[in-house]
C-alpha atoms as a PDB file:
ATOM      1  CA  MET A   1       0.000   0.000   0.000  1.00  0.00           C
ATOM      2  CA  ASP A   2       1.174   3.543  -0.764  1.00  0.00           C
ATOM      3  CA  SER A   3       2.618   5.067   2.432  1.00  0.00           C
ATOM      4  CA  SER A   4       0.323   8.112   2.185  1.00  0.00           C
ATOM      5  CA  ALA A   5      -2.729   5.863   1.848  1.00  0.00           C
ATOM      6  CA  ARG A   6      -1.644   3.928   4.929  1.00  0.00           C
ATOM      7  CA  GLU A   7      -1.076   7.111   6.918  1.00  0.00           C
ATOM      8  CA  LEU A   8      -4.528   8.337   5.933  1.00  0.00           C
ATOM      9  CA  GLN A   9      -6.053   5.316   7.611  1.00  0.00           C
ATOM     10  CA  GLU A  10      -4.052   5.489  10.843  1.00  0.00           C
ATOM     11  CA  PRO A  11      -6.162   5.710  14.027  1.00  0.00           C
ATOM     12  CA  PHE A  12      -6.556   9.091  15.711  1.00  0.00           C
ATOM     13  CA  ASP A  13      -5.660  10.131  19.226  1.00  0.00           C
ATOM     14  CA  GLU A  14      -8.527   9.614  21.643  1.00  0.00           C
ATOM     15  CA  ASP A  15      -8.799  13.392  22.043  1.00  0.00           C
ATOM     16  CA  ASP A  16      -9.714  13.646  18.342  1.00  0.00           C
ATOM     17  CA  ILE A  17     -12.643  11.252  18.763  1.00  0.00           C
ATOM     18  CA  GLU A  18     -16.066  12.404  19.899  1.00  0.00           C
ATOM     19  CA  TRP A  19     -19.072  10.293  20.771  1.00  0.00           C
ATOM     20  CA  ARG A  20     -22.705  10.999  20.020  1.00  0.00           C
ATOM     21  CA  VAL A  21     -25.840   9.373  21.316  1.00  0.00           C
ATOM     22  CA  GLN A  22     -27.434   6.947  18.887  1.00  0.00           C
ATOM     23  CA  GLN A  23     -30.190   5.849  21.248  1.00  0.00           C
ATOM     24  CA  ALA A  24     -30.953   6.598  24.871  1.00  0.00           C
ATOM     25  CA  GLY A  25     -33.746   6.178  27.345  1.00  0.00           C
ATOM     26  CA  ILE A  26     -34.900   5.716  30.908  1.00  0.00           C
ATOM     27  CA  THR A  27     -36.342   2.267  31.594  1.00  0.00           C
ATOM     28  CA  ASN A  28     -37.708   1.207  34.982  1.00  0.00           C
ATOM     29  CA  GLY A  29     -35.991   4.162  36.586  1.00  0.00           C
ATOM     30  CA  ARG A  30     -32.593   3.408  35.042  1.00  0.00           C
ATOM     31  CA  ALA A  31     -30.817   5.411  32.341  1.00  0.00           C
ATOM     32  CA  TRP A  32     -29.129   3.849  29.323  1.00  0.00           C
ATOM     33  CA  VAL A  33     -27.145   5.348  26.452  1.00  0.00           C
ATOM     34  CA  MET A  34     -25.899   3.728  23.232  1.00  0.00           C
ATOM     35  CA  ALA A  35     -23.135   5.886  21.724  1.00  0.00           C
ATOM     36  CA  ILE A  36     -21.115   5.821  18.500  1.00  0.00           C
ATOM     37  CA  PRO A  37     -17.716   7.467  17.834  1.00  0.00           C
ATOM     38  CA  TYR A  38     -16.729   9.846  15.066  1.00  0.00           C
ATOM     39  CA  VAL A  39     -13.630  11.856  14.241  1.00  0.00           C
ATOM     40  CA  THR A  40     -13.840  15.644  14.452  1.00  0.00           C
ATOM     41  CA  ALA A  41     -13.634  17.809  11.325  1.00  0.00           C
ATOM     42  CA  ARG A  42     -10.625  19.630  12.824  1.00  0.00           C
ATOM     43  CA  ALA A  43      -8.753  16.345  13.213  1.00  0.00           C
ATOM     44  CA  VAL A  44      -9.484  15.470   9.573  1.00  0.00           C
ATOM     45  CA  GLU A  45      -8.187  18.851   8.398  1.00  0.00           C
ATOM     46  CA  SER A  46      -5.053  18.528  10.525  1.00  0.00           C
ATOM     47  CA  ARG A  47      -4.280  15.104   9.082  1.00  0.00           C
ATOM     48  CA  LEU A  48      -4.672  16.387   5.538  1.00  0.00           C
ATOM     49  CA  ASP A  49      -2.384  19.326   6.323  1.00  0.00           C
ATOM     50  CA  ASN A  50       0.245  17.043   7.864  1.00  0.00           C
ATOM     51  CA  LEU A  51       0.225  14.586   4.972  1.00  0.00           C
ATOM     52  CA  PHE A  52      -0.197  16.867   1.970  1.00  0.00           C
ATOM     53  CA  THR A  53       0.474  20.402   3.350  1.00  0.00           C
ATOM     54  CA  PRO A  54      -2.321  22.994   3.208  1.00  0.00           C
ATOM     55  CA  PHE A  55      -1.637  23.340  -0.539  1.00  0.00           C
ATOM     56  CA  GLY A  56      -2.034  19.666  -1.365  1.00  0.00           C
ATOM     57  CA  TRP A  57      -5.752  19.276  -0.725  1.00  0.00           C
ATOM     58  CA  GLN A  58      -8.953  21.243  -1.243  1.00  0.00           C
ATOM     59  CA  LEU A  59     -12.708  21.119  -0.724  1.00  0.00           C
ATOM     60  CA  THR A  60     -15.600  21.708  -3.084  1.00  0.00           C
ATOM     61  CA  GLN A  61     -18.950  22.041  -1.313  1.00  0.00           C
ATOM     62  CA  GLN A  62     -22.392  22.525  -2.811  1.00  0.00           C
ATOM     63  CA  ALA A  63     -25.997  22.155  -1.772  1.00  0.00           C
ATOM     64  CA  THR A  64     -27.689  18.836  -2.520  1.00  0.00           C
ATOM     65  CA  PRO A  65     -30.268  18.865  -5.356  1.00  0.00           C
ATOM     66  CA  ASP A  66     -33.118  18.350  -2.872  1.00  0.00           C
ATOM     67  CA  GLY A  67     -31.914  21.247  -0.717  1.00  0.00           C
ATOM     68  CA  LYS A  68     -31.739  19.090   2.426  1.00  0.00           C
ATOM     69  CA  GLY A  69     -27.988  19.199   2.954  1.00  0.00           C
ATOM     70  CA  TYR A  70     -24.561  19.663   1.410  1.00  0.00           C
ATOM     71  CA  LEU A  71     -22.194  17.624  -0.732  1.00  0.00           C
ATOM     72  CA  CYS A  72     -18.441  17.743  -0.201  1.00  0.00           C
ATOM     73  CA  GLY A  73     -15.782  16.892  -2.750  1.00  0.00           C
ATOM     74  CA  LEU A  74     -12.454  16.232  -1.033  1.00  0.00           C
ATOM     75  CA  SER A  75      -9.597  16.577  -3.525  1.00  0.00           C
ATOM     76  CA  ILE A  76      -6.018  15.436  -2.914  1.00  0.00           C
ATOM     77  CA  LEU A  77      -3.036  16.193  -5.133  1.00  0.00           C
ATOM     78  CA  HIS A  78      -1.458  12.842  -5.960  1.00  0.00           C
ATOM     79  CA  ASN A  79       1.289  12.372  -8.573  1.00  0.00           C
ATOM     80  CA  ASP A  80       0.560  15.878  -9.919  1.00  0.00           C
ATOM     81  CA  LYS A  81      -3.125  15.024 -10.403  1.00  0.00           C
ATOM     82  CA  TRP A  82      -6.136  16.134  -8.404  1.00  0.00           C
ATOM     83  CA  ILE A  83      -8.293  13.208  -7.319  1.00  0.00           C
ATOM     84  CA  THR A  84     -11.713  13.996  -5.843  1.00  0.00           C
ATOM     85  CA  LYS A  85     -14.058  11.821  -3.808  1.00  0.00           C
ATOM     86  CA  TRP A  86     -17.546  12.895  -2.779  1.00  0.00           C
ATOM     87  CA  ASP A  87     -20.074  12.360  -0.026  1.00  0.00           C
ATOM     88  CA  GLY A  88     -22.690  14.455   1.728  1.00  0.00           C
ATOM     89  CA  ALA A  89     -24.709  15.097   4.860  1.00  0.00           C
ATOM     90  CA  GLU A  90     -28.105  16.558   5.726  1.00  0.00           C
ATOM     91  CA  TYR A  91     -28.734  19.690   7.774  1.00  0.00           C
ATOM     92  CA  THR A  92     -28.540  19.036  11.510  1.00  0.00           C
ATOM     93  CA  ASN A  93     -30.991  20.151  14.186  1.00  0.00           C
ATOM     94  CA  ILE A  94     -28.404  22.388  15.865  1.00  0.00           C
ATOM     95  CA  GLU A  95     -26.524  24.861  13.629  1.00  0.00           C
ATOM     96  CA  PRO A  96     -27.962  23.214  10.499  1.00  0.00           C
ATOM     97  CA  LEU A  97     -25.567  24.635   7.882  1.00  0.00           C
ATOM     98  CA  LYS A  98     -22.429  24.159   9.958  1.00  0.00           C
ATOM     99  CA  GLY A  99     -23.502  20.637  10.838  1.00  0.00           C
ATOM    100  CA  ALA A 100     -24.163  19.729   7.194  1.00  0.00           C
ATOM    101  CA  LEU A 101     -20.821  21.125   5.980  1.00  0.00           C
ATOM    102  CA  SER A 102     -18.880  19.440   8.782  1.00  0.00           C
ATOM    103  CA  GLY A 103     -20.717  16.154   8.323  1.00  0.00           C
ATOM    104  CA  ALA A 104     -20.156  16.180   4.559  1.00  0.00           C
ATOM    105  CA  LEU A 105     -16.425  16.752   5.054  1.00  0.00           C
ATOM    106  CA  LYS A 106     -16.120  13.885   7.533  1.00  0.00           C
ATOM    107  CA  ARG A 107     -18.050  11.526   5.266  1.00  0.00           C
ATOM    108  CA  ALA A 108     -15.939  12.472   2.257  1.00  0.00           C
ATOM    109  CA  ALA A 109     -12.862  11.825   4.417  1.00  0.00           C
ATOM    110  CA  VAL A 110     -14.162   8.324   5.186  1.00  0.00           C
ATOM    111  CA  VAL A 111     -14.331   7.647   1.437  1.00  0.00           C
ATOM    112  CA  TRP A 112     -10.587   8.333   1.437  1.00  0.00           C
ATOM    113  CA  GLY A 113     -10.148   5.965   4.389  1.00  0.00           C
ATOM    114  CA  ILE A 114      -9.796   8.632   7.083  1.00  0.00           C
ATOM    115  CA  GLY A 115     -11.535   7.403  10.235  1.00  0.00           C
ATOM    116  CA  ARG A 116     -13.086   4.458   8.401  1.00  0.00           C
ATOM    117  CA  TYR A 117     -11.864   2.091  11.107  1.00  0.00           C
ATOM    118  CA  LEU A 118     -14.418   3.610  13.500  1.00  0.00           C
ATOM    119  CA  TYR A 119     -17.177   1.885  11.530  1.00  0.00           C
ATOM    120  CA  ARG A 120     -15.780  -1.452  12.733  1.00  0.00           C
ATOM    121  CA  LEU A 121     -16.488  -0.511  16.333  1.00  0.00           C
ATOM    122  CA  ASN A 122     -19.599  -1.944  17.914  1.00  0.00           C
ATOM    123  CA  VAL A 123     -22.148   0.427  19.364  1.00  0.00           C
ATOM    124  CA  ALA A 124     -21.086   0.957  22.977  1.00  0.00           C
ATOM    125  CA  PHE A 125     -23.201   1.316  26.091  1.00  0.00           C
ATOM    126  CA  ALA A 126     -21.944   4.299  28.075  1.00  0.00           C
ATOM    127  CA  ASP A 127     -21.815   4.648  31.850  1.00  0.00           C
ATOM    128  CA  CYS A 128     -24.612   7.038  32.748  1.00  0.00           C
ATOM    129  CA  ARG A 129     -26.969   8.307  35.442  1.00  0.00           C
ATOM    130  CA  ILE A 130     -30.179  10.286  35.762  1.00  0.00           C
ATOM    131  CA  ILE A 131     -29.752  13.895  36.886  1.00  0.00           C
ATOM    132  CA  ASP A 132     -32.184  16.675  37.829  1.00  0.00           C
ATOM    133  CA  ASN A 133     -30.804  19.412  35.562  1.00  0.00           C
ATOM    134  CA  ARG A 134     -27.887  20.414  33.346  1.00  0.00           C
ATOM    135  CA  HIS A 135     -25.975  21.954  36.273  1.00  0.00           C
ATOM    136  CA  ASP A 136     -25.569  18.469  37.776  1.00  0.00           C
ATOM    137  CA  CYS A 137     -23.868  17.164  34.634  1.00  0.00           C
ATOM    138  CA  ILE A 138     -20.152  16.314  34.885  1.00  0.00           C
ATOM    139  CA  GLY A 139     -19.856  14.396  31.598  1.00  0.00           C
ATOM    140  CA  ASN A 140     -22.101  14.593  28.539  1.00  0.00           C
ATOM    141  CA  PHE A 141     -25.666  15.898  28.797  1.00  0.00           C
ATOM    142  CA  HIS A 142     -28.628  14.290  27.057  1.00  0.00           C
ATOM    143  CA  THR A 143     -32.333  15.044  27.220  1.00  0.00           C
ATOM    144  CA  VAL A 144     -34.746  12.097  26.991  1.00  0.00           C
ATOM    145  CA  LYS A 145     -38.189  12.727  25.540  1.00  0.00           C
ATOM    146  CA  GLU A 146     -41.110  10.432  24.777  1.00  0.00           C
ATOM    147  CA  ARG A 147     -40.914   9.490  21.124  1.00  0.00           C
ATOM    148  CA  ASN A 148     -44.456  10.341  20.046  1.00  0.00           C
ATOM    149  CA  SER A 149     -45.593  13.098  22.384  1.00  0.00           C
ATOM    150  CA  LYS A 150     -42.109  14.637  22.923  1.00  0.00           C
ATOM    151  CA  LYS A 151     -42.936  14.683  26.622  1.00  0.00           C
ATOM    152  CA  LEU A 152     -39.851  15.251  28.783  1.00  0.00           C
ATOM    153  CA  LEU A 153     -38.831  12.020  30.553  1.00  0.00           C
ATOM    154  CA  GLY A 154     -35.620  13.189  32.186  1.00  0.00           C
ATOM    155  CA  TYR A 155     -31.983  14.177  31.843  1.00  0.00           C
ATOM    156  CA  ILE A 156     -28.979  11.851  31.543  1.00  0.00           C
ATOM    157  CA  ASP A 157     -25.342  12.475  32.416  1.00  0.00           C
ATOM    158  CA  TRP A 158     -23.132  10.049  30.460  1.00  0.00           C
ATOM    159  CA  VAL A 159     -19.418   9.349  30.043  1.00  0.00           C
ATOM    160  CA  SER A 160     -17.792   8.715  26.652  1.00  0.00           C
ATOM    161  CA  PRO A 161     -16.816   5.020  26.315  1.00  0.00           C
ATOM    162  CA  MET A 162     -13.198   3.892  26.042  1.00  0.00           C
ATOM    163  CA  LEU A 163     -11.803   2.843  22.680  1.00  0.00           C
ATOM    164  CA  PRO A 164     -10.293  -0.654  22.319  1.00  0.00           C
ATOM    165  CA  ASN A 165      -6.513  -0.854  21.958  1.00  0.00           C
ATOM    166  CA  TRP A 166      -6.633  -1.664  18.265  1.00  0.00           C
ATOM    167  CA  ALA A 167      -8.478   1.625  17.606  1.00  0.00           C
ATOM    168  CA  LEU A 168      -5.726   3.731  19.218  1.00  0.00           C
ATOM    169  CA  PRO A 169      -2.497   5.008  17.625  1.00  0.00           C
ATOM    170  CA  GLY A 170       0.912   3.625  18.456  1.00  0.00           C
ATOM    171  CA  ILE A 171      -0.134  -0.036  18.536  1.00  0.00           C
ATOM    172  CA  GLU A 172       2.504  -1.975  16.607  1.00  0.00           C
ATOM    173  CA  GLY A 173       2.124  -5.446  15.166  1.00  0.00           C
ATOM    174  CA  ASP A 174       4.839  -6.808  17.483  1.00  0.00           C
ATOM    175  CA  LYS A 175       2.624  -6.161  20.517  1.00  0.00           C
ATOM    176  CA  TYR A 176      -0.154  -8.274  19.024  1.00  0.00           C
ATOM    177  CA  ILE A 177       2.283 -11.053  18.174  1.00  0.00           C
ATOM    178  CA  GLU A 178       3.600 -11.006  21.755  1.00  0.00           C
ATOM    179  CA  LYS A 179       0.059 -11.446  23.073  1.00  0.00           C
ATOM    180  CA  ILE A 180      -0.644 -14.283  20.638  1.00  0.00           C
ATOM    181  CA  ASN A 181       2.598 -16.043  21.554  1.00  0.00           C
ATOM    182  CA  SER A 182       1.960 -15.698  25.292  1.00  0.00           C
ATOM    183  CA  SER A 183      -1.576 -17.164  25.197  1.00  0.00           C
ATOM    184  CA  ASN A 184      -2.051 -19.736  27.957  1.00  0.00           C
ATOM    185  CA  ASP A 185      -4.951 -21.669  26.424  1.00  0.00           C
ATOM    186  CA  ILE A 186      -6.979 -21.984  23.222  1.00  0.00           C
ATOM    187  CA  SER A 187      -9.712 -19.635  24.448  1.00  0.00           C
ATOM    188  CA  GLU A 188      -7.204 -16.876  25.226  1.00  0.00           C
ATOM    189  CA  LEU A 189      -5.491 -17.510  21.890  1.00  0.00           C
ATOM    190  CA  LYS A 190      -8.769 -17.004  20.030  1.00  0.00           C
ATOM    191  CA  GLY A 191      -9.365 -13.675  21.756  1.00  0.00           C
ATOM    192  CA  ASN A 192      -5.830 -12.391  21.152  1.00  0.00           C
ATOM    193  CA  PHE A 193      -5.848 -13.460  17.510  1.00  0.00           C
ATOM    194  CA  SER A 194      -9.282 -11.942  16.914  1.00  0.00           C
ATOM    195  CA  ALA A 195      -8.103  -8.554  18.203  1.00  0.00           C
ATOM    196  CA  ALA A 196      -4.929  -8.736  16.115  1.00  0.00           C
ATOM    197  CA  TYR A 197      -6.737  -9.789  12.944  1.00  0.00           C
ATOM    198  CA  THR A 198      -9.307  -7.006  13.377  1.00  0.00           C
ATOM    199  CA  PHE A 199      -6.451  -4.519  13.623  1.00  0.00           C
ATOM    200  CA  ALA A 200      -4.786  -5.874  10.461  1.00  0.00           C
ATOM    201  CA  LYS A 201      -7.978  -5.980   8.389  1.00  0.00           C
ATOM    202  CA  THR A 202      -9.156  -2.565   9.553  1.00  0.00           C
ATOM    203  CA  PHE A 203      -5.992  -0.889   8.342  1.00  0.00           C
ATOM    204  CA  ASN A 204      -5.509  -3.100   5.272  1.00  0.00           C
ATOM    205  CA  ARG A 205      -2.299  -4.620   6.625  1.00  0.00           C
ATOM    206  CA  SER A 206      -2.237  -7.933   4.808  1.00  0.00           C
ATOM    207  CA  ASP A 207       1.425  -8.290   5.792  1.00  0.00           C
ATOM    208  CA  LEU A 208       0.503  -8.194   9.469  1.00  0.00           C
ATOM    209  CA  ALA A 209      -2.479 -10.493   8.936  1.00  0.00           C
ATOM    210  CA  LYS A 210      -0.086 -13.138   7.597  1.00  0.00           C
ATOM    211  CA  GLN A 211       2.274 -12.673  10.555  1.00  0.00           C
ATOM    212  CA  PHE A 212      -0.594 -12.920  13.026  1.00  0.00           C
ATOM    213  CA  THR A 213      -1.905 -16.090  11.374  1.00  0.00           C
ATOM    214  CA  LYS A 214       1.561 -17.657  11.430  1.00  0.00           C
ATOM    215  CA  ALA A 215       1.964 -16.798  15.124  1.00  0.00           C
ATOM    216  CA  LYS A 216      -1.490 -18.208  15.882  1.00  0.00           C
ATOM    217  CA  GLU A 217      -0.740 -21.548  14.222  1.00  0.00           C
ATOM    218  CA  ALA A 218       2.587 -21.848  16.050  1.00  0.00           C
ATOM    219  CA  THR A 219       0.987 -21.042  19.413  1.00  0.00           C
ATOM    220  CA  LYS A 220      -1.888 -23.438  18.749  1.00  0.00           C
ATOM    221  CA  ALA A 221       0.595 -26.218  18.005  1.00  0.00           C
ATOM    222  CA  ARG A 222       2.456 -25.422  21.235  1.00  0.00           C
ATOM    223  CA  LEU A 223      -0.706 -25.454  23.341  1.00  0.00           C
ATOM    224  CA  ASN A 224      -1.878 -28.729  21.789  1.00  0.00           C
ATOM    225  CA  GLN A 225       1.500 -30.335  22.465  1.00  0.00           C
ATOM    226  CA  GLU A 226       1.521 -29.119  26.059  1.00  0.00           C
ATOM    227  CA  ALA A 227      -1.984 -30.482  26.525  1.00  0.00           C
ATOM    228  CA  ALA A 228      -0.963 -33.835  25.037  1.00  0.00           C
ATOM    229  CA  ASP A 229       2.090 -34.002  27.322  1.00  0.00           C
ATOM    230  CA  ASN A 230      -0.104 -33.418  30.346  1.00  0.00           C
ATOM    231  CA  VAL A 231      -2.836 -35.915  29.463  1.00  0.00           C
ATOM    232  CA  THR A 232      -1.529 -38.905  31.444  1.00  0.00           C
ATOM    233  CA  PRO A 233      -0.551 -37.052  34.660  1.00  0.00           C
ATOM    234  CA  LEU A 234      -3.806 -35.092  34.696  1.00  0.00           C
ATOM    235  CA  TYR A 235      -5.891 -38.201  34.059  1.00  0.00           C
ATOM    236  CA  GLU A 236      -4.175 -40.091  36.840  1.00  0.00           C
ATOM    237  CA  LEU A 237      -4.580 -37.169  39.222  1.00  0.00           C
ATOM    238  CA  THR A 238      -8.287 -36.861  38.435  1.00  0.00           C
ATOM    239  CA  SER A 239      -8.779 -40.620  38.613  1.00  0.00           C
ATOM    240  CA  THR A 240      -7.140 -40.759  42.055  1.00  0.00           C
ATOM    241  CA  TRP A 241      -9.378 -37.943  43.288  1.00  0.00           C
ATOM    242  CA  LEU A 242     -12.471 -39.791  41.983  1.00  0.00           C
ATOM    243  CA  ASN A 243     -11.458 -43.035  43.717  1.00  0.00           C
ATOM    244  CA  GLN A 244     -11.260 -41.176  47.017  1.00  0.00           C
ATOM    245  CA  GLN A 245     -14.768 -39.798  46.510  1.00  0.00           C
ATOM    246  CA  LEU A 246     -16.157 -43.232  45.630  1.00  0.00           C
ATOM    247  CA  LYS A 247     -14.713 -44.819  48.765  1.00  0.00           C
ATOM    248  CA  SER A 248     -16.891 -42.555  50.877  1.00  0.00           C
ATOM    249  CA  LEU A 249     -20.052 -44.051  49.306  1.00  0.00           C
ATOM    250  CA  SER A 250     -19.711 -47.116  51.543  1.00  0.00           C
ATOM    251  CA  LEU A 251     -20.248 -44.888  54.581  1.00  0.00           C
ATOM    252  CA  ILE A 252     -23.461 -43.276  53.339  1.00  0.00           C
ATOM    253  CA  PRO A 253     -26.536 -44.650  55.184  1.00  0.00           C
ATOM    254  CA  ASN A 254     -29.296 -44.421  52.546  1.00  0.00           C
ATOM    255  CA  ALA A 255     -30.020 -44.250  48.819  1.00  0.00           C
ATOM    256  CA  SER A 256     -31.206 -40.639  48.906  1.00  0.00           C
ATOM    257  CA  ALA A 257     -27.941 -39.461  50.419  1.00  0.00           C
ATOM    258  CA  VAL A 258     -26.033 -41.462  47.795  1.00  0.00           C
ATOM    259  CA  GLU A 259     -27.906 -39.608  45.038  1.00  0.00           C
ATOM    260  CA  THR A 260     -27.061 -36.235  46.622  1.00  0.00           C
ATOM    261  CA  VAL A 261     -23.381 -37.015  47.131  1.00  0.00           C
ATOM    262  CA  CYS A 262     -22.967 -38.431  43.617  1.00  0.00           C
ATOM    263  CA  GLU A 263     -24.637 -35.394  42.051  1.00  0.00           C
ATOM    264  CA  ARG A 264     -22.229 -33.096  43.882  1.00  0.00           C
ATOM    265  CA  THR A 265     -19.292 -35.301  42.870  1.00  0.00           C
ATOM    266  CA  LYS A 266     -20.480 -35.182  39.250  1.00  0.00           C
ATOM    267  CA  GLU A 267     -20.447 -31.367  39.300  1.00  0.00           C
ATOM    268  CA  GLN A 268     -16.930 -31.336  40.714  1.00  0.00           C
ATOM    269  CA  LEU A 269     -15.774 -33.909  38.171  1.00  0.00           C
ATOM    270  CA  THR A 270     -17.258 -31.852  35.340  1.00  0.00           C
ATOM    271  CA  ALA A 271     -15.264 -28.825  36.468  1.00  0.00           C
ATOM    272  CA  LYS A 272     -12.060 -30.882  36.616  1.00  0.00           C
ATOM    273  CA  CYS A 273     -12.620 -32.403  33.156  1.00  0.00           C
ATOM    274  CA  THR A 274     -13.641 -29.237  31.299  1.00  0.00           C
ATOM    275  CA  GLY A 275     -11.109 -28.416  28.592  1.00  0.00           C
ATOM    276  CA  GLN A 276      -9.021 -31.554  29.181  1.00  0.00           C
ATOM    277  CA  TYR A 277      -7.840 -33.886  26.444  1.00  0.00           C
ATOM    278  CA  PHE A 278      -8.017 -37.192  28.323  1.00  0.00           C
ATOM    279  CA  ASP A 279     -10.897 -39.683  28.214  1.00  0.00           C
ATOM    280  CA  THR A 280     -13.458 -38.076  30.501  1.00  0.00           C
ATOM    281  CA  ALA A 281     -16.291 -40.461  29.611  1.00  0.00           C
ATOM    282  CA  SER A 282     -14.696 -43.381  31.466  1.00  0.00           C
ATOM    283  CA  LEU A 283     -14.534 -41.331  34.665  1.00  0.00           C
ATOM    284  CA  PHE A 284     -18.221 -40.451  34.530  1.00  0.00           C
ATOM    285  CA  GLU A 285     -19.067 -44.093  33.787  1.00  0.00           C
ATOM    286  CA  ARG A 286     -17.113 -45.151  36.861  1.00  0.00           C
ATOM    287  CA  LEU A 287     -19.014 -42.664  39.007  1.00  0.00           C
ATOM    288  CA  ASN A 288     -22.370 -43.803  37.645  1.00  0.00           C
ATOM    289  CA  ASP A 289     -21.526 -47.491  38.105  1.00  0.00           C
ATOM    290  CA  ALA A 290     -20.493 -46.891  41.715  1.00  0.00           C
ATOM    291  CA  LYS A 291     -23.693 -44.981  42.418  1.00  0.00           C
ATOM    292  CA  GLN A 292     -25.915 -47.661  40.895  1.00  0.00           C
ATOM    293  CA  SER A 293     -24.043 -50.397  42.734  1.00  0.00           C
ATOM    294  CA  ARG A 294     -24.460 -48.691  46.106  1.00  0.00           C
ATOM    295  CA  ILE A 295     -28.176 -47.971  45.495  1.00  0.00           C
ATOM    296  CA  LYS A 296     -28.645 -51.618  44.499  1.00  0.00           C
ATOM    297  CA  GLU A 297     -27.191 -52.677  47.844  1.00  0.00           C
ATOM    298  CA  PHE A 298     -29.866 -50.684  49.661  1.00  0.00           C
ATOM    299  CA  LYS A 299     -32.604 -52.216  47.504  1.00  0.00           C
ATOM    300  CA  ASN A 300     -31.331 -55.725  48.214  1.00  0.00           C
ATOM    301  CA  LYS A 301     -31.344 -55.034  51.952  1.00  0.00           C
ATOM    302  CA  VAL A 302     -34.947 -53.864  51.754  1.00  0.00           C
ATOM    303  CA  ALA A 303     -35.864 -56.996  49.791  1.00  0.00           C
ATOM    304  CA  ASP A 304     -34.095 -59.260  52.315  1.00  0.00           C
ATOM    305  CA  HIS A 305     -35.944 -57.682  55.214  1.00  0.00           C
ATOM    306  CA  GLY A 306     -39.207 -57.878  53.317  1.00  0.00           C
END
């Protein structure tokens, strides 16, 4: 990828990201806010200045044919040619013209790849609380109204969510590879690889995607080998523990108590066997056989006395 194209797509500092409410409400006396991030117009302009100088890019803005907003053509001088990409935005409720011009610029920037990675973020639930008025707000202020009647329901004070590591600048591929290599189990490996692969795909780094995949396969092979090496000792350890539990069945005075003890033992055995590679079925069969044998003894005693 051209170095300028890659730098266009780099993540922004957290200070350059703002969050806006997508949906919010007050349900059963509790506030909730779903927020989405976007890059500021000033941050877009600064990036263009830094990459192409103030003389290497320009804007063309015009009203949309339906008169409901503005179109923005963002032109960049590349190899002595001006290349223009367009997008637009409608008038906003607050400062309609300014909002439309700013929104059109940011959307045109996304067409160039600037801030496009933010679209990969999931909608985030923000920490929030109900407040009595704007003066009580220490974060972001939002007014909640009933959808149909526009009746005031309350005010919400909410805090902008945190961005994940992959959506922040300064995260190098080596850090992701270190996390992949240091994974302690398959579940952790999946999580670390997923974060790394999202980072690579978001910023079109096919070179990193290949490195991450290679590291994942090597770590997976290591974890599988470690698990295989531990199969026999772990099985023997679990089997010894089960034998100790089964010995106590001979001391239990009735069938009902046997059922209770065996059910508890089964839960403990399940926890010990989860994620293991050894033959767990034989252990559960042994537990079931011991339970049935002990219950049969009680039935035979009842029959003998009958």
